Every structure is written in C-alpha cells, then in structure tokens.
Amino acid sequence: MTLSLATTTKAAFLLNISTGRLRELLNQGRVVGAEKVGRLWMIPLNRRGMPEIIPGRRGPEGSWNKFKRKAKTVVHVLRKTIDYNRDNGTSHPAVAIKVGDKKDYCHAVKINGPCQIVYQPHQPNQSQAGGARLWIEVEPEYIVERVYFYNGDYGPPPEVTKQREKVKQRQKKSTIKPKRKTRKKRKKQK
C-alpha cells in the first residue's frame, strides 16, 4: 500500500482548519509523520485519507475533521456587509463559507474545482442568516481556499455580530424569571 502525502493547503482543507492553525500544529510536532522537504511540509494521510493529529494535553478538544468531509461547501456573498463597508469605509469580510455546521468569513475565495451557482428566489437557503437566495456550491472533495486582506478587518461581519447579540438577549429574557412577591410585600399590598 502506497502512502499518500498532502501539502499544508490540502491537509488544512481536509481537516477544515486554517493553514495557519495547521502550521502551528506542525511546529508543535503534533502532526503524525509530517516531514519538511525544503520549504514545504509533506503530511502523510491515514487509510481514511486524513492527516493524523496528536491531541493536546490541555485546553479544549481539537475541532478539526477526523473523517473525510461529506457535506458540500457553500459560499455566500454577504450583501449587507458590502453595503456596510461602502457606507462606513471598513473592509469586513463579505464572503461566508459554510462546511457542515462550521462557518468562516473571508475576503476572497479560490475554488479549485467545479462548482455550481444556485439561485432560488422562492426557496431561500435557511442555513445562512436572512436566508440567502443566491449561493455557490462546491463538491466536498474540492479545495476552497480562503483569502484575507492583509489590512482588512477580521472576524464576523457587523450584521452577524448584531444577530448574535439579538439571539443572546432573547436567550437571557427567556431564562430570567419574574421575581416572586415575598409575604411582606403581599401583606403591605392588602
């Protein structure tokens, strides 16, 4: 059986983590069998076609993929973020990339393989906030590289941050129970 190798870009794609995070794991010696050949890392893939990562001793459990991805990659262009950037002179990421239940935001995308642009005006994609009506779908085996502006704003765009705040406020309101009147207060009211 021949051992297949992957570069950092392909291995990061398979694991569904950024190349920066993978390089961090490589420098810590946590990628099984990885070797540096010249300037490139060559990472062996196991029988499932995935790189093996040694779990850390502290902190939360790693969130990388352990099995090959089966879900399509869905790319959304965030119209509200584009408008916000134009009106406020900012450069928040206006592209959302969703693989399964993980979502990432970036400034540009390189799709290394066939893809499909989907327009469904009467059946919006509910996986995106607000229900996107136009998106790009990429089959699971093709790499979608995320590109960031070196001087851009990072993190989720403003409309996503606002939506998360609204959800948190709703959750707080539903968990806060109204105060019950004590016996003394009831007697004073009589």
Protein backbone atom coordinates (compact mmCIF):
# COMPACT_ATOMS: atom_id res chain seq x y z
CA MET A 1 0.00 0.00 0.00
CA THR A 2 1.44 3.37 -1.00
CA LEU A 3 1.33 6.16 1.50
CA SER A 4 -0.27 9.30 0.05
CA LEU A 5 1.06 12.71 1.03
CA ALA A 6 -0.56 16.13 1.20
CA THR A 7 0.72 19.70 1.29
CA THR A 8 -0.31 22.09 4.07
CA THR A 9 -3.07 23.62 1.90
CA LYS A 10 -4.65 20.24 1.10
CA ALA A 11 -4.20 18.91 4.66
CA ALA A 12 -5.77 22.07 6.15
CA PHE A 13 -8.68 21.67 3.73
CA LEU A 14 -9.17 18.02 4.73
CA LEU A 15 -9.05 18.91 8.43
CA ASN A 16 -11.29 22.01 7.88
CA ILE A 17 -8.86 24.29 9.72
CA SER A 18 -6.83 27.26 8.52
CA THR A 19 -3.34 26.73 7.11
CA GLY A 20 -2.04 28.96 9.93
CA ARG A 21 -3.52 26.62 12.56
CA LEU A 22 -2.07 23.60 10.75
CA ARG A 23 1.39 25.22 10.66
CA GLU A 24 1.07 25.81 14.40
CA LEU A 25 0.32 22.09 14.91
CA LEU A 26 3.26 21.20 12.62
CA ASN A 27 5.66 23.39 14.62
CA GLN A 28 4.44 21.76 17.84
CA GLY A 29 5.17 18.31 16.33
CA ARG A 30 1.53 17.22 16.64
CA VAL A 31 1.03 16.04 13.02
CA VAL A 32 1.94 12.34 12.81
CA GLY A 33 4.68 11.58 10.26
CA ALA A 34 4.94 15.12 8.84
CA GLU A 35 8.32 15.99 7.32
CA LYS A 36 9.71 19.22 5.98
CA VAL A 37 11.15 18.82 2.47
CA GLY A 38 12.96 22.03 1.56
CA ARG A 39 10.42 24.76 2.34
CA LEU A 40 7.34 22.51 2.09
CA TRP A 41 5.73 20.27 4.67
CA MET A 42 4.72 16.82 3.39
CA ILE A 43 1.95 15.34 5.51
CA PRO A 44 1.05 11.63 5.29
CA LEU A 45 -2.62 10.64 5.09
CA ASN A 46 -4.02 7.66 7.01
CA ARG A 47 -6.14 4.88 5.48
CA ARG A 48 -9.22 7.16 5.70
CA GLY A 49 -7.36 9.76 3.63
CA MET A 50 -6.92 12.16 6.56
CA PRO A 51 -3.87 13.59 8.37
CA GLU A 52 -3.43 12.31 11.95
CA ILE A 53 -3.23 14.95 14.71
CA ILE A 54 -1.99 14.18 18.22
CA PRO A 55 -4.44 15.73 20.73
CA GLY A 56 -3.11 18.42 23.05
CA ARG A 57 -2.65 17.80 26.77
CA ARG A 58 -4.51 20.94 27.88
CA GLY A 59 -7.34 23.12 26.66
CA PRO A 60 -10.43 22.27 24.66
CA GLU A 61 -10.58 19.27 22.37
CA GLY A 62 -9.49 19.97 18.77
CA SER A 63 -12.27 20.88 16.35
CA TRP A 64 -10.66 19.50 13.19
CA ASN A 65 -12.31 16.88 10.98
CA LYS A 66 -11.46 13.30 11.81
CA PHE A 67 -13.19 11.79 8.76
CA LYS A 68 -13.41 12.88 5.12
CA ARG A 69 -15.99 15.57 4.55
CA LYS A 70 -19.30 14.58 3.02
CA ALA A 71 -21.04 17.97 3.06
CA LYS A 72 -20.81 20.38 0.15
CA THR A 73 -19.03 23.67 0.70
CA VAL A 74 -21.49 26.55 0.38
CA VAL A 75 -20.21 30.05 -0.40
CA HIS A 76 -22.41 33.10 0.32
CA VAL A 77 -21.76 36.70 -0.63
CA LEU A 78 -22.97 38.95 2.22
CA ARG A 79 -24.76 41.88 0.56
CA LYS A 80 -25.41 43.71 3.84
CA THR A 81 -21.70 43.62 4.69
CA ILE A 82 -20.82 45.03 1.28
CA ASP A 83 -23.27 47.91 1.90
CA TYR A 84 -21.91 48.43 5.44
CA ASN A 85 -18.31 48.53 4.17
CA ARG A 86 -19.23 51.04 1.46
CA ASP A 87 -21.12 53.33 3.87
CA ASN A 88 -18.56 53.17 6.73
CA GLY A 89 -15.24 52.85 4.91
CA THR A 90 -14.50 49.46 6.54
CA SER A 91 -13.33 46.19 4.99
CA HIS A 92 -15.12 43.45 6.93
CA PRO A 93 -15.12 40.02 5.24
CA ALA A 94 -18.08 39.82 2.83
CA VAL A 95 -17.84 36.13 1.94
CA ALA A 96 -19.20 33.37 4.19
CA ILE A 97 -18.02 29.79 3.66
CA LYS A 98 -20.05 27.04 5.27
CA VAL A 99 -18.98 23.39 5.50
CA GLY A 100 -21.42 21.30 7.51
CA ASP A 101 -22.14 23.29 10.69
CA LYS A 102 -18.86 25.28 10.58
CA LYS A 103 -18.88 28.79 9.14
CA ASP A 104 -15.92 31.00 8.27
CA TYR A 105 -15.71 34.55 6.88
CA CYS A 106 -13.12 35.81 4.40
CA HIS A 107 -12.46 38.49 1.80
CA ALA A 108 -11.98 36.30 -1.28
CA VAL A 109 -12.27 32.65 -2.30
CA LYS A 110 -10.29 30.43 -4.67
CA ILE A 111 -12.31 27.40 -5.78
CA ASN A 112 -10.02 24.63 -7.07
CA GLY A 113 -12.54 22.54 -8.99
CA PRO A 114 -16.02 22.56 -10.47
CA CYS A 115 -18.74 24.49 -8.68
CA GLN A 116 -22.37 25.44 -9.18
CA ILE A 117 -24.09 28.79 -8.69
CA VAL A 118 -27.60 28.29 -7.27
CA TYR A 119 -30.39 30.89 -7.43
CA GLN A 120 -33.61 30.01 -5.58
CA PRO A 121 -35.72 33.16 -5.14
CA HIS A 122 -38.69 31.28 -3.63
CA GLN A 123 -36.75 28.74 -1.55
CA PRO A 124 -34.00 30.63 0.32
CA ASN A 125 -31.11 28.75 1.91
CA GLN A 126 -32.03 28.89 5.61
CA SER A 127 -28.54 27.86 6.70
CA GLN A 128 -27.48 31.47 6.11
CA ALA A 129 -28.74 34.36 8.25
CA GLY A 130 -31.66 36.00 6.48
CA GLY A 131 -32.00 33.10 4.04
CA ALA A 132 -29.71 33.57 1.04
CA ARG A 133 -31.32 33.28 -2.37
CA LEU A 134 -28.06 33.02 -4.35
CA TRP A 135 -25.03 30.94 -3.38
CA ILE A 136 -22.20 28.79 -4.77
CA GLU A 137 -21.97 25.06 -4.03
CA VAL A 138 -18.69 23.12 -4.24
CA GLU A 139 -18.49 19.34 -4.02
CA PRO A 140 -16.81 18.03 -0.82
CA GLU A 141 -13.60 16.80 -2.45
CA TYR A 142 -12.59 20.17 -3.95
CA ILE A 143 -10.48 22.72 -2.09
CA VAL A 144 -11.93 26.14 -1.34
CA GLU A 145 -9.07 28.42 -0.29
CA ARG A 146 -9.92 31.39 1.90
CA VAL A 147 -8.12 34.68 1.16
CA TYR A 148 -7.86 37.57 3.64
CA PHE A 149 -6.84 41.19 3.03
CA TYR A 150 -3.58 41.88 4.85
CA ASN A 151 -5.03 45.21 6.06
CA GLY A 152 -8.67 44.09 6.28
CA ASP A 153 -10.99 43.73 9.23
CA TYR A 154 -11.28 40.21 10.61
CA GLY A 155 -13.92 38.25 12.44
CA PRO A 156 -17.60 38.05 11.66
CA PRO A 157 -19.18 40.94 9.75
CA PRO A 158 -21.31 43.54 11.60
CA GLU A 159 -24.71 42.05 10.69
CA VAL A 160 -23.64 38.66 12.05
CA THR A 161 -22.42 40.25 15.29
CA LYS A 162 -25.75 42.13 15.64
CA GLN A 163 -27.73 38.96 15.01
CA ARG A 164 -25.72 37.04 17.63
CA GLU A 165 -26.38 39.82 20.17
CA LYS A 166 -30.14 39.63 19.47
CA VAL A 167 -30.11 35.86 19.98
CA LYS A 168 -28.19 36.24 23.27
CA GLN A 169 -30.68 38.87 24.51
CA ARG A 170 -33.64 36.61 23.62
CA GLN A 171 -32.00 33.73 25.46
CA LYS A 172 -31.40 35.90 28.54
CA LYS A 173 -35.02 37.10 28.54
CA SER A 174 -36.32 33.55 28.30
CA THR A 175 -34.11 32.35 31.19
CA ILE A 176 -34.84 35.28 33.54
CA LYS A 177 -37.90 34.51 35.64
CA PRO A 178 -40.02 37.30 37.06
CA LYS A 179 -39.39 37.94 40.76
CA ARG A 180 -41.98 36.48 43.08
CA LYS A 181 -43.53 38.73 45.68
CA THR A 182 -42.49 37.95 49.23
CA ARG A 183 -45.01 37.57 52.07
CA LYS A 184 -44.15 41.02 53.44
CA LYS A 185 -44.85 42.70 50.11
CA ARG A 186 -48.18 40.81 49.78
CA LYS A 187 -49.24 41.92 53.30
CA LYS A 188 -48.35 45.58 52.54
CA GLN A 189 -50.48 45.49 49.38
CA LYS A 190 -53.55 44.28 51.36
